[in-house]
Amino acid sequence: MGRVLSPEKAGAVLQTILAAAGEARERVDRLARAALEAAQVPSSRDLEELKRRLAEMEELLDGLAVRLARAEAHDGDQPATVADPAREDSARS
């Protein structure tokens, strides 16, 4: 029949197994990240950063759209003029 381990010995064996499993998981994670990076696949952190930056850009564009709408409403009765860069340069001189 099999041997029964003492509680202390069983605990030590269990700790060793859990430590080895944790190290193996970390190794697999490192290798997976390296493989994804080599394949130029963005990480979840990269995607979250991209989402954040896109949200910021969307807010900026929304703000610009509001300002443009206000300017168009304010200038609605006035004819639109296009700036002439040559005139602006000569006016500055």
PDB file of N, CA and C in Angstrom:
ATOM      1  N   MET A   1       0.828  -1.190   0.000  1.00  0.00           N
ATOM      2  CA  MET A   1       0.000   0.000   0.000  1.00  0.00           C
ATOM      3  C   MET A   1       0.862   1.239   0.000  1.00  0.00           C
ATOM      4  N   GLY A   2       0.234   2.351  -0.356  1.00  0.00           N
ATOM      5  CA  GLY A   2       0.955   3.608  -0.425  1.00  0.00           C
ATOM      6  C   GLY A   2       1.274   4.172   0.942  1.00  0.00           C
ATOM      7  N   ARG A   3       2.274   5.027   0.908  1.00  0.00           N
ATOM      8  CA  ARG A   3       2.667   5.703   2.146  1.00  0.00           C
ATOM      9  C   ARG A   3       1.838   6.948   2.342  1.00  0.00           C
ATOM     10  N   VAL A   4       1.536   7.252   3.568  1.00  0.00           N
ATOM     11  CA  VAL A   4       0.820   8.474   3.916  1.00  0.00           C
ATOM     12  C   VAL A   4       1.861   9.478   4.395  1.00  0.00           C
ATOM     13  N   LEU A   5       1.818  10.682   3.812  1.00  0.00           N
ATOM     14  CA  LEU A   5       2.761  11.720   4.203  1.00  0.00           C
ATOM     15  C   LEU A   5       2.263  12.433   5.451  1.00  0.00           C
ATOM     16  N   SER A   6       3.205  12.866   6.236  1.00  0.00           N
ATOM     17  CA  SER A   6       2.822  13.658   7.402  1.00  0.00           C
ATOM     18  C   SER A   6       2.262  14.989   6.907  1.00  0.00           C
ATOM     19  N   PRO A   7       1.455  15.647   7.707  1.00  0.00           N
ATOM     20  CA  PRO A   7       0.878  16.933   7.290  1.00  0.00           C
ATOM     21  C   PRO A   7       1.962  17.957   6.899  1.00  0.00           C
ATOM     22  N   GLU A   8       3.064  17.958   7.617  1.00  0.00           N
ATOM     23  CA  GLU A   8       4.131  18.918   7.315  1.00  0.00           C
ATOM     24  C   GLU A   8       4.741  18.614   5.938  1.00  0.00           C
ATOM     25  N   LYS A   9       4.999  17.330   5.713  1.00  0.00           N
ATOM     26  CA  LYS A   9       5.603  16.916   4.450  1.00  0.00           C
ATOM     27  C   LYS A   9       4.622  17.159   3.293  1.00  0.00           C
ATOM     28  N   ALA A  10       3.350  16.855   3.499  1.00  0.00           N
ATOM     29  CA  ALA A  10       2.334  17.074   2.472  1.00  0.00           C
ATOM     30  C   ALA A  10       2.219  18.565   2.165  1.00  0.00           C
ATOM     31  N   GLY A  11       2.296  19.389   3.175  1.00  0.00           N
ATOM     32  CA  GLY A  11       2.242  20.848   2.977  1.00  0.00           C
ATOM     33  C   GLY A  11       3.432  21.341   2.180  1.00  0.00           C
ATOM     34  N   ALA A  12       4.615  20.804   2.481  1.00  0.00           N
ATOM     35  CA  ALA A  12       5.822  21.203   1.765  1.00  0.00           C
ATOM     36  C   ALA A  12       5.746  20.785   0.298  1.00  0.00           C
ATOM     37  N   VAL A  13       5.244  19.577   0.046  1.00  0.00           N
ATOM     38  CA  VAL A  13       5.110  19.101  -1.330  1.00  0.00           C
ATOM     39  C   VAL A  13       4.110  19.979  -2.081  1.00  0.00           C
ATOM     40  N   LEU A  14       3.010  20.290  -1.433  1.00  0.00           N
ATOM     41  CA  LEU A  14       1.995  21.138  -2.049  1.00  0.00           C
ATOM     42  C   LEU A  14       2.564  22.524  -2.366  1.00  0.00           C
ATOM     43  N   GLN A  15       3.314  23.087  -1.443  1.00  0.00           N
ATOM     44  CA  GLN A  15       3.939  24.399  -1.681  1.00  0.00           C
ATOM     45  C   GLN A  15       4.892  24.352  -2.871  1.00  0.00           C
ATOM     46  N   THR A  16       5.662  23.269  -2.965  1.00  0.00           N
ATOM     47  CA  THR A  16       6.601  23.116  -4.080  1.00  0.00           C
ATOM     48  C   THR A  16       5.851  23.027  -5.408  1.00  0.00           C
ATOM     49  N   ILE A  17       4.769  22.282  -5.430  1.00  0.00           N
ATOM     50  CA  ILE A  17       3.966  22.136  -6.645  1.00  0.00           C
ATOM     51  C   ILE A  17       3.347  23.475  -7.045  1.00  0.00           C
ATOM     52  N   LEU A  18       2.799  24.191  -6.068  1.00  0.00           N
ATOM     53  CA  LEU A  18       2.182  25.489  -6.355  1.00  0.00           C
ATOM     54  C   LEU A  18       3.207  26.507  -6.841  1.00  0.00           C
ATOM     55  N   ALA A  19       4.396  26.511  -6.255  1.00  0.00           N
ATOM     56  CA  ALA A  19       5.455  27.426  -6.685  1.00  0.00           C
ATOM     57  C   ALA A  19       5.876  27.114  -8.114  1.00  0.00           C
ATOM     58  N   ALA A  20       6.035  25.834  -8.428  1.00  0.00           N
ATOM     59  CA  ALA A  20       6.428  25.437  -9.780  1.00  0.00           C
ATOM     60  C   ALA A  20       5.346  25.821 -10.784  1.00  0.00           C
ATOM     61  N   ALA A  21       4.098  25.658 -10.421  1.00  0.00           N
ATOM     62  CA  ALA A  21       2.987  26.022 -11.313  1.00  0.00           C
ATOM     63  C   ALA A  21       2.966  27.530 -11.544  1.00  0.00           C
ATOM     64  N   GLY A  22       3.205  28.293 -10.503  1.00  0.00           N
ATOM     65  CA  GLY A  22       3.243  29.751 -10.641  1.00  0.00           C
ATOM     66  C   GLY A  22       4.381  30.196 -11.544  1.00  0.00           C
ATOM     67  N   GLU A  23       5.549  29.593 -11.375  1.00  0.00           N
ATOM     68  CA  GLU A  23       6.692  29.931 -12.224  1.00  0.00           C
ATOM     69  C   GLU A  23       6.423  29.553 -13.679  1.00  0.00           C
ATOM     70  N   ALA A  24       5.792  28.406 -13.880  1.00  0.00           N
ATOM     71  CA  ALA A  24       5.472  27.974 -15.241  1.00  0.00           C
ATOM     72  C   ALA A  24       4.479  28.944 -15.895  1.00  0.00           C
ATOM     73  N   ARG A  25       3.495  29.380 -15.146  1.00  0.00           N
ATOM     74  CA  ARG A  25       2.503  30.333 -15.669  1.00  0.00           C
ATOM     75  C   ARG A  25       3.181  31.650 -16.046  1.00  0.00           C
ATOM     76  N   GLU A  26       4.092  32.142 -15.188  1.00  0.00           N
ATOM     77  CA  GLU A  26       4.818  33.381 -15.493  1.00  0.00           C
ATOM     78  C   GLU A  26       5.655  33.223 -16.756  1.00  0.00           C
ATOM     79  N   ARG A  27       6.305  32.061 -16.898  1.00  0.00           N
ATOM     80  CA  ARG A  27       7.113  31.800 -18.092  1.00  0.00           C
ATOM     81  C   ARG A  27       6.250  31.799 -19.350  1.00  0.00           C
ATOM     82  N   VAL A  28       5.108  31.143 -19.268  1.00  0.00           N
ATOM     83  CA  VAL A  28       4.189  31.093 -20.411  1.00  0.00           C
ATOM     84  C   VAL A  28       3.704  32.508 -20.741  1.00  0.00           C
ATOM     85  N   ASP A  29       3.365  33.295 -19.728  1.00  0.00           N
ATOM     86  CA  ASP A  29       2.913  34.668 -19.962  1.00  0.00           C
ATOM     87  C   ASP A  29       4.000  35.494 -20.645  1.00  0.00           C
ATOM     88  N   ARG A  30       5.240  35.382 -20.174  1.00  0.00           N
ATOM     89  CA  ARG A  30       6.349  36.124 -20.784  1.00  0.00           C
ATOM     90  C   ARG A  30       6.542  35.714 -22.238  1.00  0.00           C
ATOM     91  N   LEU A  31       6.506  34.414 -22.486  1.00  0.00           N
ATOM     92  CA  LEU A  31       6.679  33.935 -23.854  1.00  0.00           C
ATOM     93  C   LEU A  31       5.530  34.376 -24.760  1.00  0.00           C
ATOM     94  N   ALA A  32       4.332  34.336 -24.248  1.00  0.00           N
ATOM     95  CA  ALA A  32       3.175  34.770 -25.036  1.00  0.00           C
ATOM     96  C   ALA A  32       3.279  36.257 -25.357  1.00  0.00           C
ATOM     97  N   ARG A  33       3.652  37.080 -24.361  1.00  0.00           N
ATOM     98  CA  ARG A  33       3.820  38.517 -24.615  1.00  0.00           C
ATOM     99  C   ARG A  33       4.903  38.764 -25.657  1.00  0.00           C
ATOM    100  N   ALA A  34       6.010  38.035 -25.551  1.00  0.00           N
ATOM    101  CA  ALA A  34       7.107  38.187 -26.511  1.00  0.00           C
ATOM    102  C   ALA A  34       6.654  37.790 -27.913  1.00  0.00           C
ATOM    103  N   ALA A  35       5.898  36.705 -28.019  1.00  0.00           N
ATOM    104  CA  ALA A  35       5.417  36.259 -29.324  1.00  0.00           C
ATOM    105  C   ALA A  35       4.448  37.277 -29.927  1.00  0.00           C
ATOM    106  N   LEU A  36       3.541  37.821 -29.121  1.00  0.00           N
ATOM    107  CA  LEU A  36       2.591  38.818 -29.615  1.00  0.00           C
ATOM    108  C   LEU A  36       3.317  40.102 -30.022  1.00  0.00           C
ATOM    109  N   GLU A  37       4.309  40.481 -29.244  1.00  0.00           N
ATOM    110  CA  GLU A  37       5.088  41.673 -29.577  1.00  0.00           C
ATOM    111  C   GLU A  37       5.855  41.457 -30.883  1.00  0.00           C
ATOM    112  N   ALA A  38       6.446  40.283 -31.046  1.00  0.00           N
ATOM    113  CA  ALA A  38       7.190  39.987 -32.268  1.00  0.00           C
ATOM    114  C   ALA A  38       6.267  39.991 -33.484  1.00  0.00           C
ATOM    115  N   ALA A  39       5.036  39.565 -33.293  1.00  0.00           N
ATOM    116  CA  ALA A  39       4.057  39.552 -34.378  1.00  0.00           C
ATOM    117  C   ALA A  39       3.381  40.914 -34.536  1.00  0.00           C
ATOM    118  N   GLN A  40       3.781  41.873 -33.714  1.00  0.00           N
ATOM    119  CA  GLN A  40       3.232  43.229 -33.700  1.00  0.00           C
ATOM    120  C   GLN A  40       1.733  43.239 -33.438  1.00  0.00           C
ATOM    121  N   VAL A  41       1.295  42.359 -32.559  1.00  0.00           N
ATOM    122  CA  VAL A  41      -0.096  42.321 -32.122  1.00  0.00           C
ATOM    123  C   VAL A  41      -0.180  43.175 -30.863  1.00  0.00           C
ATOM    124  N   PRO A  42      -1.087  44.140 -30.819  1.00  0.00           N
ATOM    125  CA  PRO A  42      -1.162  45.007 -29.644  1.00  0.00           C
ATOM    126  C   PRO A  42      -1.634  44.247 -28.401  1.00  0.00           C
ATOM    127  N   SER A  43      -1.099  44.664 -27.276  1.00  0.00           N
ATOM    128  CA  SER A  43      -1.498  44.052 -26.006  1.00  0.00           C
ATOM    129  C   SER A  43      -2.807  44.684 -25.534  1.00  0.00           C
ATOM    130  N   SER A  44      -3.398  44.111 -24.517  1.00  0.00           N
ATOM    131  CA  SER A  44      -4.631  44.687 -23.968  1.00  0.00           C
ATOM    132  C   SER A  44      -4.337  46.064 -23.388  1.00  0.00           C
ATOM    133  N   ARG A  45      -3.150  46.266 -22.838  1.00  0.00           N
ATOM    134  CA  ARG A  45      -2.755  47.581 -22.321  1.00  0.00           C
ATOM    135  C   ARG A  45      -2.673  48.586 -23.475  1.00  0.00           C
ATOM    136  N   ASP A  46      -2.113  48.158 -24.620  1.00  0.00           N
ATOM    137  CA  ASP A  46      -2.041  49.023 -25.792  1.00  0.00           C
ATOM    138  C   ASP A  46      -3.443  49.413 -26.267  1.00  0.00           C
ATOM    139  N   LEU A  47      -4.346  48.441 -26.270  1.00  0.00           N
ATOM    140  CA  LEU A  47      -5.716  48.707 -26.720  1.00  0.00           C
ATOM    141  C   LEU A  47      -6.440  49.661 -25.774  1.00  0.00           C
ATOM    142  N   GLU A  48      -6.217  49.499 -24.476  1.00  0.00           N
ATOM    143  CA  GLU A  48      -6.840  50.405 -23.509  1.00  0.00           C
ATOM    144  C   GLU A  48      -6.317  51.828 -23.689  1.00  0.00           C
ATOM    145  N   GLU A  49      -5.019  51.977 -23.927  1.00  0.00           N
ATOM    146  CA  GLU A  49      -4.430  53.293 -24.165  1.00  0.00           C
ATOM    147  C   GLU A  49      -5.007  53.907 -25.436  1.00  0.00           C
ATOM    148  N   LEU A  50      -5.169  53.092 -26.463  1.00  0.00           N
ATOM    149  CA  LEU A  50      -5.749  53.578 -27.714  1.00  0.00           C
ATOM    150  C   LEU A  50      -7.194  54.028 -27.501  1.00  0.00           C
ATOM    151  N   LYS A  51      -7.963  53.256 -26.749  1.00  0.00           N
ATOM    152  CA  LYS A  51      -9.347  53.638 -26.453  1.00  0.00           C
ATOM    153  C   LYS A  51      -9.391  54.971 -25.715  1.00  0.00           C
ATOM    154  N   ARG A  52      -8.489  55.143 -24.746  1.00  0.00           N
ATOM    155  CA  ARG A  52      -8.447  56.379 -23.960  1.00  0.00           C
ATOM    156  C   ARG A  52      -8.120  57.564 -24.862  1.00  0.00           C
ATOM    157  N   ARG A  53      -7.127  57.388 -25.732  1.00  0.00           N
ATOM    158  CA  ARG A  53      -6.726  58.473 -26.620  1.00  0.00           C
ATOM    159  C   ARG A  53      -7.822  58.800 -27.633  1.00  0.00           C
ATOM    160  N   LEU A  54      -8.519  57.777 -28.133  1.00  0.00           N
ATOM    161  CA  LEU A  54      -9.624  58.014 -29.058  1.00  0.00           C
ATOM    162  C   LEU A  54     -10.772  58.762 -28.376  1.00  0.00           C
ATOM    163  N   ALA A  55     -11.029  58.425 -27.122  1.00  0.00           N
ATOM    164  CA  ALA A  55     -12.077  59.120 -26.374  1.00  0.00           C
ATOM    165  C   ALA A  55     -11.706  60.589 -26.194  1.00  0.00           C
ATOM    166  N   GLU A  56     -10.422  60.872 -25.904  1.00  0.00           N
ATOM    167  CA  GLU A  56      -9.970  62.256 -25.783  1.00  0.00           C
ATOM    168  C   GLU A  56     -10.143  63.002 -27.105  1.00  0.00           C
ATOM    169  N   MET A  57      -9.775  62.346 -28.206  1.00  0.00           N
ATOM    170  CA  MET A  57      -9.916  62.979 -29.520  1.00  0.00           C
ATOM    171  C   MET A  57     -11.385  63.236 -29.842  1.00  0.00           C
ATOM    172  N   GLU A  58     -12.246  62.293 -29.468  1.00  0.00           N
ATOM    173  CA  GLU A  58     -13.675  62.465 -29.715  1.00  0.00           C
ATOM    174  C   GLU A  58     -14.207  63.674 -28.953  1.00  0.00           C
ATOM    175  N   GLU A  59     -13.762  63.829 -27.706  1.00  0.00           N
ATOM    176  CA  GLU A  59     -14.183  64.995 -26.915  1.00  0.00           C
ATOM    177  C   GLU A  59     -13.705  66.291 -27.567  1.00  0.00           C
ATOM    178  N   LEU A  60     -12.451  66.300 -28.033  1.00  0.00           N
ATOM    179  CA  LEU A  60     -11.924  67.490 -28.702  1.00  0.00           C
ATOM    180  C   LEU A  60     -12.719  67.808 -29.964  1.00  0.00           C
ATOM    181  N   LEU A  61     -13.016  66.787 -30.760  1.00  0.00           N
ATOM    182  CA  LEU A  61     -13.794  66.998 -31.983  1.00  0.00           C
ATOM    183  C   LEU A  61     -15.210  67.481 -31.676  1.00  0.00           C
ATOM    184  N   ASP A  62     -15.810  66.932 -30.628  1.00  0.00           N
ATOM    185  CA  ASP A  62     -17.145  67.389 -30.234  1.00  0.00           C
ATOM    186  C   ASP A  62     -17.102  68.863 -29.843  1.00  0.00           C
ATOM    187  N   GLY A  63     -16.067  69.232 -29.093  1.00  0.00           N
ATOM    188  CA  GLY A  63     -15.914  70.634 -28.700  1.00  0.00           C
ATOM    189  C   GLY A  63     -15.713  71.540 -29.901  1.00  0.00           C
ATOM    190  N   LEU A  64     -14.913  71.097 -30.854  1.00  0.00           N
ATOM    191  CA  LEU A  64     -14.705  71.880 -32.069  1.00  0.00           C
ATOM    192  C   LEU A  64     -15.992  71.999 -32.876  1.00  0.00           C
ATOM    193  N   ALA A  65     -16.772  70.930 -32.935  1.00  0.00           N
ATOM    194  CA  ALA A  65     -18.044  70.960 -33.663  1.00  0.00           C
ATOM    195  C   ALA A  65     -18.997  71.970 -33.032  1.00  0.00           C
ATOM    196  N   VAL A  66     -19.034  72.018 -31.707  1.00  0.00           N
ATOM    197  CA  VAL A  66     -19.901  72.978 -31.009  1.00  0.00           C
ATOM    198  C   VAL A  66     -19.433  74.403 -31.311  1.00  0.00           C
ATOM    199  N   ARG A  67     -18.113  74.625 -31.231  1.00  0.00           N
ATOM    200  CA  ARG A  67     -17.584  75.971 -31.512  1.00  0.00           C
ATOM    201  C   ARG A  67     -17.858  76.378 -32.955  1.00  0.00           C
ATOM    202  N   LEU A  68     -17.716  75.449 -33.879  1.00  0.00           N
ATOM    203  CA  LEU A  68     -17.981  75.740 -35.288  1.00  0.00           C
ATOM    204  C   LEU A  68     -19.453  76.069 -35.495  1.00  0.00           C
ATOM    205  N   ALA A  69     -20.329  75.303 -34.860  1.00  0.00           N
ATOM    206  CA  ALA A  69     -21.763  75.559 -34.992  1.00  0.00           C
ATOM    207  C   ALA A  69     -22.112  76.943 -34.447  1.00  0.00           C
ATOM    208  N   ARG A  70     -21.503  77.304 -33.310  1.00  0.00           N
ATOM    209  CA  ARG A  70     -21.753  78.636 -32.737  1.00  0.00           C
ATOM    210  C   ARG A  70     -21.244  79.723 -33.679  1.00  0.00           C
ATOM    211  N   ALA A  71     -20.052  79.521 -34.234  1.00  0.00           N
ATOM    212  CA  ALA A  71     -19.484  80.515 -35.140  1.00  0.00           C
ATOM    213  C   ALA A  71     -20.344  80.648 -36.387  1.00  0.00           C
ATOM    214  N   GLU A  72     -20.815  79.532 -36.920  1.00  0.00           N
ATOM    215  CA  GLU A  72     -21.669  79.586 -38.102  1.00  0.00           C
ATOM    216  C   GLU A  72     -22.988  80.280 -37.788  1.00  0.00           C
ATOM    217  N   ALA A  73     -23.541  80.025 -36.616  1.00  0.00           N
ATOM    218  CA  ALA A  73     -24.798  80.668 -36.223  1.00  0.00           C
ATOM    219  C   ALA A  73     -24.578  82.163 -36.048  1.00  0.00           C
ATOM    220  N   HIS A  74     -23.460  82.546 -35.483  1.00  0.00           N
ATOM    221  CA  HIS A  74     -23.143  83.955 -35.248  1.00  0.00           C
ATOM    222  C   HIS A  74     -22.880  84.680 -36.562  1.00  0.00           C
ATOM    223  N   ASP A  75     -22.198  84.020 -37.481  1.00  0.00           N
ATOM    224  CA  ASP A  75     -21.840  84.626 -38.762  1.00  0.00           C
ATOM    225  C   ASP A  75     -22.847  84.306 -39.863  1.00  0.00           C
ATOM    226  N   GLY A  76     -23.985  83.785 -39.506  1.00  0.00           N
ATOM    227  CA  GLY A  76     -24.957  83.351 -40.505  1.00  0.00           C
ATOM    228  C   GLY A  76     -25.405  84.440 -41.454  1.00  0.00           C
ATOM    229  N   ASP A  77     -25.495  85.675 -40.975  1.00  0.00           N
ATOM    230  CA  ASP A  77     -25.955  86.768 -41.821  1.00  0.00           C
ATOM    231  C   ASP A  77     -24.817  87.442 -42.560  1.00  0.00           C
ATOM    232  N   GLN A  78     -23.582  87.157 -42.163  1.00  0.00           N
ATOM    233  CA  GLN A  78     -22.431  87.798 -42.794  1.00  0.00           C
ATOM    234  C   GLN A  78     -21.859  86.875 -43.868  1.00  0.00           C
ATOM    235  N   PRO A  79     -21.414  87.457 -44.994  1.00  0.00           N
ATOM    236  CA  PRO A  79     -20.821  86.605 -46.034  1.00  0.00           C
ATOM    237  C   PRO A  79     -19.501  86.022 -45.554  1.00  0.00           C
ATOM    238  N   ALA A  80     -19.252  84.820 -45.970  1.00  0.00           N
ATOM    239  CA  ALA A  80     -18.009  84.149 -45.588  1.00  0.00           C
ATOM    240  C   ALA A  80     -16.859  84.750 -46.370  1.00  0.00           C
ATOM    241  N   THR A  81     -15.709  84.933 -45.705  1.00  0.00           N
ATOM    242  CA  THR A  81     -14.516  85.441 -46.371  1.00  0.00           C
ATOM    243  C   THR A  81     -13.416  84.428 -46.219  1.00  0.00           C
ATOM    244  N   VAL A  82     -12.569  84.380 -47.234  1.00  0.00           N
ATOM    245  CA  VAL A  82     -11.424  83.480 -47.189  1.00  0.00           C
ATOM    246  C   VAL A  82     -10.192  84.335 -47.020  1.00  0.00           C
ATOM    247  N   ALA A  83      -9.352  84.003 -46.052  1.00  0.00           N
ATOM    248  CA  ALA A  83      -8.146  84.780 -45.791  1.00  0.00           C
ATOM    249  C   ALA A  83      -7.172  84.596 -46.942  1.00  0.00           C
ATOM    250  N   ASP A  84      -6.528  85.691 -47.325  1.00  0.00           N
ATOM    251  CA  ASP A  84      -5.511  85.657 -48.372  1.00  0.00           C
ATOM    252  C   ASP A  84      -4.152  85.713 -47.695  1.00  0.00           C
ATOM    253  N   PRO A  85      -3.397  84.605 -47.713  1.00  0.00           N
ATOM    254  CA  PRO A  85      -2.106  84.587 -47.024  1.00  0.00           C
ATOM    255  C   PRO A  85      -1.157  85.664 -47.512  1.00  0.00           C
ATOM    256  N   ALA A  86      -1.194  86.034 -48.779  1.00  0.00           N
ATOM    257  CA  ALA A  86      -0.299  87.059 -49.306  1.00  0.00           C
ATOM    258  C   ALA A  86      -0.595  88.404 -48.661  1.00  0.00           C
ATOM    259  N   ARG A  87      -1.874  88.720 -48.484  1.00  0.00           N
ATOM    260  CA  ARG A  87      -2.246  89.978 -47.831  1.00  0.00           C
ATOM    261  C   ARG A  87      -1.811  89.991 -46.378  1.00  0.00           C
ATOM    262  N   GLU A  88      -1.990  88.855 -45.703  1.00  0.00           N
ATOM    263  CA  GLU A  88      -1.599  88.786 -44.291  1.00  0.00           C
ATOM    264  C   GLU A  88      -0.106  88.974 -44.138  1.00  0.00           C
ATOM    265  N   ASP A  89       0.692  88.399 -45.038  1.00  0.00           N
ATOM    266  CA  ASP A  89       2.145  88.550 -44.975  1.00  0.00           C
ATOM    267  C   ASP A  89       2.554  89.992 -45.217  1.00  0.00           C
ATOM    268  N   SER A  90       1.924  90.678 -46.192  1.00  0.00           N
ATOM    269  CA  SER A  90       2.304  92.058 -46.484  1.00  0.00           C
ATOM    270  C   SER A  90       1.839  92.993 -45.382  1.00  0.00           C
ATOM    271  N   ALA A  91       0.747  92.661 -44.718  1.00  0.00           N
ATOM    272  CA  ALA A  91       0.252  93.492 -43.611  1.00  0.00           C
ATOM    273  C   ALA A  91       1.183  93.408 -42.422  1.00  0.00           C
ATOM    274  N   ARG A  92       1.830  92.266 -42.255  1.00  0.00           N
ATOM    275  CA  ARG A  92       2.748  92.088 -41.122  1.00  0.00           C
ATOM    276  C   ARG A  92       4.068  92.805 -41.344  1.00  0.00           C
ATOM    277  N   SER A  93       4.440  93.018 -42.590  1.00  0.00           N
ATOM    278  CA  SER A  93       5.756  93.610 -42.900  1.00  0.00           C
ATOM    279  C   SER A  93       5.807  95.081 -42.610  1.00  0.00           C
TER     280      SER A  93
END
